[in-house]
Amino acid sequence: MPLIDPRTGLMQYNKEKATPGYTLFTPLGLFNTYLIDMNGEVVHSWDLPNDTGNYAYLLENGNLLAAIRTEEGPQGLPAPGGHLMELDWDGNIVWEHIDHYQHHDFRRCANGNTVYVGWELLDDETAAKVPGGAAGTEHEDGTYGDYIREVNPAGDTVWEWHATKDLDMDQYPLSHVVTRKEYAHANTIFPCPNGDMIINWRYNHTMMKIDRETKSVKWSMTDYSYGQHHDVQQLDNGNILFFANGTDVYLYGPETGSRVVELDPKTNEEVWSYRGTPPRSFMSWFISGCQRLENGNTLICEGLWGRFFEVNPEGEIVWEYVSPYFVEYEHPAYTGNNLAFRCYRYAADSPQIAGRLPAIAN
C-alpha cells in the first residue's frame, strides 16, 4: 500500500472553470500508471513490469505507450528506459521495441512509427570536441552523445539524427556548471506534423527544431534565464510551450521559481506565461511538464512534488491534485518521493477514452 500523506489527493476543483476529463500520470519509481477523474478517484490503472524510464501516455487507439527501465544500458545516467512497450486497455502487450540506450522521451508519430532519444558512447576524438562542461567530470565510460531514432512497427530504423555528427556543437556548448557525462542531456522529443523534430537539451539550455529532410537546425533558442527546461512542444497555433525549471538560484535569488511559457518562435518573445505567487511557491528544479487544453487552460505537472494543477489563461488555479503514491522501497533515485515526469488530461469523448469510461459532467 502506498504511503498516504494528508496533504495529497484532490486539493481544489472549480467545476465552472476546469476542463472536464481524466488525468493520467505515472509515479516515478513505482510500477503503475493511474487514470483519475476530476475528483481524484482512480478509474483505471495499468500494472507495469518495472518502473518507467520516465512516463507513459495514451495513444489515440486507447493503448498505453510506455518506456520501461532495463538494466543493460549505461549505468549512472538519469532516466534510462530501454524497453518501449504498447499496452492495450487490459494491460496486454501489443507492440514492443528494445533499445537499451533509449532514455527520457519517446513519441508515436502520425505515420505509426515511434521516435525516441537515446545515448551513444562517443569515441575519444569526438568526446574531446564536446564544448563546455566542468573539466574532469566525464562518465566512467567516457562521454555520451544523444541521438534521435525513428523506428517503424517492425522495429527497423527509418530515420536518425546524431547531435555530435549533425550539429555544430561549438554553437551550443554545455553550461560550465554541468558535467561532461552527456552532450547534452536530451529530455524531450516532439514530432511536428510536417515531420520535423523538436528536441530539448537541459545541459546547454537549448531547444531546437530539426528539419527532417536536411537534418539542419530550422529554429533554436538558447536562454539561460529560463533555468533549463522540459516538455518543449509545438502548439496548433505554431507557438512553443514549455516548462521552465528556473533552477539557477544565483541568477534569480529570492525570485527563484518555475514557469510555464508560451513563446512565438518567429520572435522568441513570450506571448503567455504562468508563475507562482510568490514565485517560489511554484518550483520544480527538474522533470515536469505542461499541456495546453482545448478550452485554452493549461495543465501543469510540478514534478518534484507530484503536483498536477490546471490554470486558466488569467493564471487562476481551477483544479489541483497531489499524488499520494510515494516510493517506499529502496530505489536508486526515488525513495521517499512522489515524483512524476508528466501528466496528461483526456476528454471523456476523446479517441483515447471514448467508450471506455463515462462522460464527465462539469
Protein backbone atom coordinates (compact mmCIF):
# COMPACT_ATOMS: atom_id res chain seq x y z
CA MET A 1 0.00 0.00 0.00
CA PRO A 2 1.32 3.50 -0.80
CA LEU A 3 2.12 5.92 1.96
CA ILE A 4 -0.75 8.42 2.25
CA ASP A 5 0.22 11.99 3.05
CA PRO A 6 -2.67 14.09 4.43
CA ARG A 7 -1.74 16.86 2.01
CA THR A 8 -2.33 14.68 -1.03
CA GLY A 9 -5.28 13.87 -3.24
CA LEU A 10 -7.71 16.42 -4.66
CA MET A 11 -6.88 19.87 -3.29
CA GLN A 12 -9.29 22.07 -5.22
CA TYR A 13 -11.75 21.83 -8.11
CA ASN A 14 -13.64 24.73 -9.69
CA LYS A 15 -16.28 22.89 -11.71
CA GLU A 16 -17.30 26.02 -13.60
CA LYS A 17 -13.80 26.76 -14.91
CA ALA A 18 -11.90 23.44 -15.02
CA THR A 19 -11.67 21.31 -18.15
CA PRO A 20 -13.60 18.06 -17.66
CA GLY A 21 -11.79 14.83 -18.37
CA TYR A 22 -9.46 12.20 -16.97
CA THR A 23 -5.85 12.78 -15.89
CA LEU A 24 -3.10 10.21 -16.47
CA PHE A 25 0.18 10.02 -14.54
CA THR A 26 2.92 7.52 -13.69
CA PRO A 27 4.69 7.87 -10.29
CA LEU A 28 8.44 7.61 -10.81
CA GLY A 29 9.92 4.57 -9.14
CA LEU A 30 6.65 2.65 -8.97
CA PHE A 31 5.15 0.05 -11.28
CA ASN A 32 1.79 1.56 -12.18
CA THR A 33 0.15 4.17 -14.37
CA TYR A 34 -3.02 5.74 -12.97
CA LEU A 35 -6.01 7.41 -14.62
CA ILE A 36 -8.06 9.61 -12.27
CA ASP A 37 -11.32 11.51 -12.66
CA MET A 38 -11.84 15.16 -11.78
CA ASN A 39 -12.48 14.21 -8.14
CA GLY A 40 -9.13 12.47 -7.89
CA GLU A 41 -10.56 8.96 -7.88
CA VAL A 42 -8.68 6.23 -9.75
CA VAL A 43 -10.90 4.92 -12.56
CA HIS A 44 -8.33 2.76 -14.33
CA SER A 45 -4.71 1.67 -13.95
CA TRP A 46 -2.04 -0.38 -15.68
CA ASP A 47 0.47 -2.66 -13.97
CA LEU A 48 3.95 -2.32 -15.48
CA PRO A 49 6.76 -4.92 -15.47
CA ASN A 50 9.26 -2.46 -13.99
CA ASP A 51 9.41 1.23 -13.19
CA THR A 52 9.36 3.53 -16.18
CA GLY A 53 12.24 5.36 -17.77
CA ASN A 54 10.07 8.40 -17.12
CA TYR A 55 6.41 8.22 -18.07
CA ALA A 56 3.59 6.76 -20.16
CA TYR A 57 0.80 8.30 -22.19
CA LEU A 58 -2.31 7.24 -24.10
CA LEU A 59 -2.37 6.77 -27.85
CA GLU A 60 -5.44 7.62 -29.90
CA ASN A 61 -6.36 3.93 -30.05
CA GLY A 62 -6.67 3.93 -26.25
CA ASN A 63 -3.47 1.95 -25.71
CA LEU A 64 -0.76 3.00 -23.28
CA LEU A 65 2.74 3.72 -24.63
CA ALA A 66 5.47 3.48 -22.00
CA ALA A 67 9.24 3.18 -21.70
CA ILE A 68 10.19 0.53 -19.14
CA ARG A 69 13.61 0.62 -17.48
CA THR A 70 16.08 -2.11 -18.39
CA GLU A 71 19.40 -2.88 -16.73
CA GLU A 72 21.60 -3.28 -19.82
CA GLY A 73 22.09 0.39 -20.72
CA PRO A 74 24.65 2.86 -19.37
CA GLN A 75 24.82 2.94 -15.58
CA GLY A 76 24.62 6.16 -13.58
CA LEU A 77 22.83 8.28 -16.18
CA PRO A 78 19.37 9.65 -15.37
CA ALA A 79 16.01 8.45 -16.74
CA PRO A 80 17.07 5.25 -18.52
CA GLY A 81 14.31 3.41 -20.36
CA GLY A 82 15.25 0.77 -22.89
CA HIS A 83 12.04 -1.19 -23.43
CA LEU A 84 9.34 0.67 -25.34
CA MET A 85 6.02 -1.06 -24.79
CA GLU A 86 2.46 -0.53 -26.01
CA LEU A 87 -0.22 -1.98 -23.72
CA ASP A 88 -3.90 -2.26 -24.53
CA TRP A 89 -6.63 -1.15 -22.12
CA ASP A 90 -6.42 -4.51 -20.31
CA GLY A 91 -2.64 -4.42 -19.97
CA ASN A 92 -1.75 -6.84 -22.76
CA ILE A 93 1.44 -6.07 -24.71
CA VAL A 94 0.58 -5.38 -28.35
CA TRP A 95 3.91 -3.88 -29.50
CA GLU A 96 7.40 -3.56 -28.09
CA HIS A 97 10.86 -2.41 -29.10
CA ILE A 98 14.10 -2.78 -27.16
CA ASP A 99 16.96 -0.30 -27.34
CA HIS A 100 18.82 -0.33 -24.05
CA TYR A 101 20.24 3.13 -24.78
CA GLN A 102 16.82 4.81 -25.02
CA HIS A 103 16.23 7.43 -22.36
CA HIS A 104 13.79 10.15 -21.26
CA ASP A 105 11.33 10.67 -24.10
CA PHE A 106 9.54 8.83 -26.91
CA ARG A 107 6.50 9.53 -29.12
CA ARG A 108 4.26 7.73 -31.55
CA CYS A 109 4.34 9.56 -34.89
CA ALA A 110 1.30 10.21 -37.07
CA ASN A 111 2.59 7.66 -39.61
CA GLY A 112 2.58 4.89 -36.98
CA ASN A 113 6.33 4.94 -36.41
CA THR A 114 7.86 5.60 -32.98
CA VAL A 115 10.58 8.16 -32.30
CA TYR A 116 12.78 8.35 -29.22
CA VAL A 117 16.03 9.75 -27.88
CA GLY A 118 19.00 7.63 -26.88
CA TRP A 119 22.62 7.72 -25.76
CA GLU A 120 25.70 6.67 -27.72
CA LEU A 121 29.20 6.43 -26.31
CA LEU A 122 31.50 8.82 -28.16
CA ASP A 123 34.94 7.88 -29.39
CA ASP A 124 37.80 9.75 -27.73
CA GLU A 125 38.31 12.15 -30.64
CA THR A 126 34.66 13.20 -30.73
CA ALA A 127 34.41 13.40 -26.95
CA ALA A 128 37.37 15.79 -26.87
CA LYS A 129 35.47 18.13 -29.21
CA VAL A 130 32.45 18.45 -26.88
CA PRO A 131 32.50 22.11 -25.82
CA GLY A 132 31.95 23.28 -22.26
CA GLY A 133 31.08 21.43 -19.08
CA ALA A 134 33.18 21.12 -15.95
CA ALA A 135 36.60 19.65 -16.70
CA GLY A 136 37.29 16.15 -15.43
CA THR A 137 33.64 15.20 -14.92
CA GLU A 138 33.23 12.59 -17.65
CA HIS A 139 31.28 9.38 -17.08
CA GLU A 140 33.40 6.37 -16.14
CA ASP A 141 32.76 5.10 -19.68
CA GLY A 142 33.70 8.44 -21.27
CA THR A 143 31.21 10.94 -22.72
CA TYR A 144 27.84 10.05 -24.20
CA GLY A 145 26.07 11.90 -27.02
CA ASP A 146 22.37 12.00 -27.85
CA TYR A 147 20.67 10.60 -30.93
CA ILE A 148 17.10 10.69 -32.23
CA ARG A 149 15.88 7.46 -33.77
CA GLU A 150 12.62 6.70 -35.58
CA VAL A 151 11.61 3.07 -35.99
CA ASN A 152 8.72 1.53 -37.91
CA PRO A 153 6.32 -1.01 -36.33
CA ALA A 154 8.72 -3.80 -37.26
CA GLY A 155 11.50 -2.07 -35.30
CA ASP A 156 13.55 -1.06 -38.34
CA THR A 157 15.29 2.31 -38.17
CA VAL A 158 13.87 4.62 -40.85
CA TRP A 159 15.44 7.93 -39.75
CA GLU A 160 18.01 9.06 -37.24
CA TRP A 161 19.94 12.14 -36.20
CA HIS A 162 23.08 12.42 -34.09
CA ALA A 163 23.90 15.51 -32.05
CA THR A 164 27.66 15.15 -32.36
CA LYS A 165 27.58 14.48 -36.11
CA ASP A 166 24.66 16.51 -37.48
CA LEU A 167 25.11 19.61 -35.29
CA ASP A 168 27.78 22.26 -34.95
CA MET A 169 28.43 21.65 -31.26
CA ASP A 170 30.52 24.80 -30.88
CA GLN A 171 27.35 26.87 -31.31
CA TYR A 172 25.70 25.06 -28.39
CA PRO A 173 28.29 24.47 -25.64
CA LEU A 174 27.48 22.76 -22.37
CA SER A 175 26.91 25.05 -19.42
CA HIS A 176 30.14 25.39 -17.45
CA VAL A 177 28.45 24.11 -14.26
CA VAL A 178 27.26 20.74 -15.64
CA THR A 179 29.22 17.53 -16.07
CA ARG A 180 30.70 16.22 -19.29
CA LYS A 181 28.94 12.87 -18.91
CA GLU A 182 26.49 13.74 -21.70
CA TYR A 183 26.13 16.01 -24.67
CA ALA A 184 23.67 17.41 -23.92
CA HIS A 185 21.04 15.60 -21.77
CA ALA A 186 18.04 15.50 -24.09
CA ASN A 187 14.77 15.33 -22.16
CA THR A 188 12.18 15.98 -24.90
CA ILE A 189 11.49 14.76 -28.40
CA PHE A 190 8.43 16.14 -30.18
CA PRO A 191 7.49 15.18 -33.75
CA CYS A 192 5.87 18.08 -35.62
CA PRO A 193 3.02 17.48 -38.08
CA ASN A 194 5.33 18.03 -41.06
CA GLY A 195 7.91 15.51 -39.81
CA ASP A 196 10.36 17.98 -38.30
CA MET A 197 11.60 17.17 -34.80
CA ILE A 198 11.79 19.39 -31.75
CA ILE A 199 14.45 18.39 -29.25
CA ASN A 200 15.25 19.96 -25.90
CA TRP A 201 18.56 19.81 -24.04
CA ARG A 202 18.91 20.61 -20.36
CA TYR A 203 22.70 20.90 -20.16
CA ASN A 204 23.09 23.65 -22.74
CA HIS A 205 19.75 25.41 -22.13
CA THR A 206 18.82 24.89 -25.78
CA MET A 207 15.67 23.88 -27.61
CA MET A 208 15.59 23.48 -31.38
CA LYS A 209 13.61 22.29 -34.37
CA ILE A 210 15.42 19.97 -36.77
CA ASP A 211 14.48 19.82 -40.44
CA ARG A 212 13.65 16.22 -41.27
CA GLU A 213 14.92 16.35 -44.84
CA THR A 214 18.17 18.25 -44.37
CA LYS A 215 18.82 17.39 -40.68
CA SER A 216 19.80 21.04 -40.22
CA VAL A 217 18.61 23.37 -37.45
CA LYS A 218 15.47 25.15 -38.58
CA TRP A 219 14.94 27.10 -35.34
CA SER A 220 16.62 27.25 -31.96
CA MET A 221 16.61 29.19 -28.73
CA THR A 222 19.27 29.25 -26.04
CA ASP A 223 18.28 31.29 -22.99
CA TYR A 224 19.87 30.66 -19.61
CA SER A 225 17.32 32.89 -17.87
CA TYR A 226 14.76 30.09 -18.01
CA GLY A 227 16.96 27.97 -15.75
CA GLN A 228 16.76 24.90 -18.03
CA HIS A 229 13.52 23.45 -19.40
CA HIS A 230 11.40 20.39 -20.10
CA ASP A 231 8.48 19.24 -22.25
CA VAL A 232 9.07 21.59 -25.18
CA GLN A 233 6.23 21.25 -27.69
CA GLN A 234 4.66 22.97 -30.67
CA LEU A 235 1.06 24.12 -30.25
CA ASP A 236 -1.56 24.09 -33.00
CA ASN A 237 -1.01 27.84 -33.46
CA GLY A 238 2.70 27.25 -34.17
CA ASN A 239 3.88 28.67 -30.86
CA ILE A 240 6.18 26.80 -28.48
CA LEU A 241 5.02 25.77 -25.00
CA PHE A 242 7.47 24.55 -22.35
CA PHE A 243 8.16 24.13 -18.64
CA ALA A 244 10.96 26.47 -17.50
CA ASN A 245 12.52 24.89 -14.42
CA GLY A 246 14.15 28.09 -13.09
CA THR A 247 16.97 26.27 -11.34
CA ASP A 248 19.64 28.97 -11.03
CA VAL A 249 19.20 30.44 -7.54
CA TYR A 250 22.25 32.64 -8.07
CA LEU A 251 20.55 34.23 -11.06
CA TYR A 252 17.07 34.59 -9.57
CA GLY A 253 17.80 34.95 -5.83
CA PRO A 254 14.56 35.25 -3.83
CA GLU A 255 12.57 35.30 -7.09
CA THR A 256 13.53 31.69 -7.83
CA GLY A 257 10.63 29.72 -9.21
CA SER A 258 9.48 27.69 -12.17
CA ARG A 259 7.35 28.97 -15.04
CA VAL A 260 5.30 27.64 -17.92
CA VAL A 261 5.93 29.70 -21.04
CA GLU A 262 4.37 30.06 -24.49
CA LEU A 263 6.54 31.90 -26.98
CA ASP A 264 6.35 32.87 -30.62
CA PRO A 265 9.28 31.14 -32.41
CA LYS A 266 9.31 33.85 -35.09
CA THR A 267 10.48 36.37 -32.48
CA ASN A 268 11.31 34.15 -29.46
CA GLU A 269 9.15 36.53 -27.44
CA GLU A 270 6.73 35.34 -24.77
CA VAL A 271 3.03 35.58 -25.51
CA TRP A 272 1.85 33.93 -22.26
CA SER A 273 3.38 32.60 -19.05
CA TYR A 274 2.42 31.31 -15.65
CA ARG A 275 4.41 31.55 -12.43
CA GLY A 276 3.55 31.19 -8.76
CA THR A 277 2.72 33.99 -6.35
CA PRO A 278 5.19 34.35 -4.72
CA PRO A 279 7.43 32.81 -7.43
CA ARG A 280 8.99 30.26 -5.07
CA SER A 281 5.53 28.77 -4.36
CA PHE A 282 5.79 27.02 -7.76
CA MET A 283 9.15 25.33 -8.15
CA SER A 284 10.42 22.09 -9.66
CA TRP A 285 14.10 22.20 -10.44
CA PHE A 286 13.92 19.12 -12.68
CA ILE A 287 11.47 16.88 -14.62
CA SER A 288 7.92 18.42 -15.02
CA GLY A 289 5.66 19.26 -17.95
CA CYS A 290 2.64 21.07 -19.35
CA GLN A 291 -0.30 20.55 -21.69
CA ARG A 292 -2.48 23.16 -23.42
CA LEU A 293 -6.11 22.06 -23.14
CA GLU A 294 -8.83 22.58 -25.73
CA ASN A 295 -10.52 25.44 -23.84
CA GLY A 296 -7.26 27.41 -23.52
CA ASN A 297 -6.46 26.31 -19.98
CA THR A 298 -3.09 24.73 -19.22
CA LEU A 299 -2.45 21.55 -17.24
CA ILE A 300 0.85 21.64 -15.36
CA CYS A 301 2.91 18.87 -13.78
CA GLU A 302 5.09 20.25 -10.97
CA GLY A 303 7.08 17.05 -10.97
CA LEU A 304 9.23 17.48 -7.87
CA TRP A 305 6.14 17.45 -5.66
CA GLY A 306 3.89 15.12 -7.65
CA ARG A 307 1.52 18.06 -8.05
CA PHE A 308 -0.80 18.43 -11.03
CA PHE A 309 -2.83 21.58 -11.47
CA GLU A 310 -4.82 23.40 -14.14
CA VAL A 311 -4.74 27.15 -14.67
CA ASN A 312 -6.88 29.33 -16.92
CA PRO A 313 -5.34 31.99 -19.20
CA GLU A 314 -5.55 34.51 -16.36
CA GLY A 315 -3.38 32.26 -14.16
CA GLU A 316 -6.14 31.19 -11.78
CA ILE A 317 -5.79 27.65 -10.43
CA VAL A 318 -9.05 25.85 -11.23
CA TRP A 319 -8.07 22.23 -10.40
CA GLU A 320 -5.30 20.77 -8.24
CA TYR A 321 -4.27 17.27 -7.21
CA VAL A 322 -1.19 15.92 -5.40
CA SER A 323 -0.16 12.32 -5.95
CA PRO A 324 -0.45 10.13 -2.85
CA TYR A 325 1.87 7.48 -4.34
CA PHE A 326 5.26 7.53 -2.62
CA VAL A 327 8.16 5.14 -3.22
CA GLU A 328 8.54 3.12 -0.02
CA TYR A 329 11.19 0.62 -1.12
CA GLU A 330 14.91 1.25 -1.64
CA HIS A 331 15.09 2.76 -5.12
CA PRO A 332 18.36 4.14 -6.57
CA ALA A 333 16.82 7.60 -7.10
CA TYR A 334 13.23 7.97 -5.86
CA THR A 335 12.86 6.51 -2.35
CA GLY A 336 10.50 8.57 -0.19
CA ASN A 337 9.25 10.70 -3.08
CA ASN A 338 6.05 11.03 -5.13
CA LEU A 339 7.74 12.41 -8.25
CA ALA A 340 6.07 12.46 -11.66
CA PHE A 341 7.63 13.37 -15.01
CA ARG A 342 4.45 14.48 -16.81
CA CYS A 343 0.67 14.25 -16.64
CA TYR A 344 -1.99 14.34 -19.35
CA ARG A 345 -5.70 15.24 -19.46
CA TYR A 346 -8.03 13.39 -21.83
CA ALA A 347 -11.63 14.37 -22.52
CA ALA A 348 -14.28 11.70 -21.98
CA ASP A 349 -15.17 11.81 -25.69
CA SER A 350 -11.53 11.82 -26.86
CA PRO A 351 -10.23 8.96 -29.05
CA GLN A 352 -8.14 7.81 -26.07
CA ILE A 353 -11.13 7.45 -23.71
CA ALA A 354 -14.39 7.37 -25.72
CA GLY A 355 -16.49 4.30 -24.97
CA ARG A 356 -14.17 3.11 -22.22
CA LEU A 357 -15.25 5.41 -19.37
CA PRO A 358 -18.36 7.52 -18.74
CA ALA A 359 -18.65 11.17 -19.70
CA ILE A 360 -17.82 13.71 -17.02
CA ALA A 361 -20.32 16.47 -16.35
CA ASN A 362 -18.75 19.75 -15.35
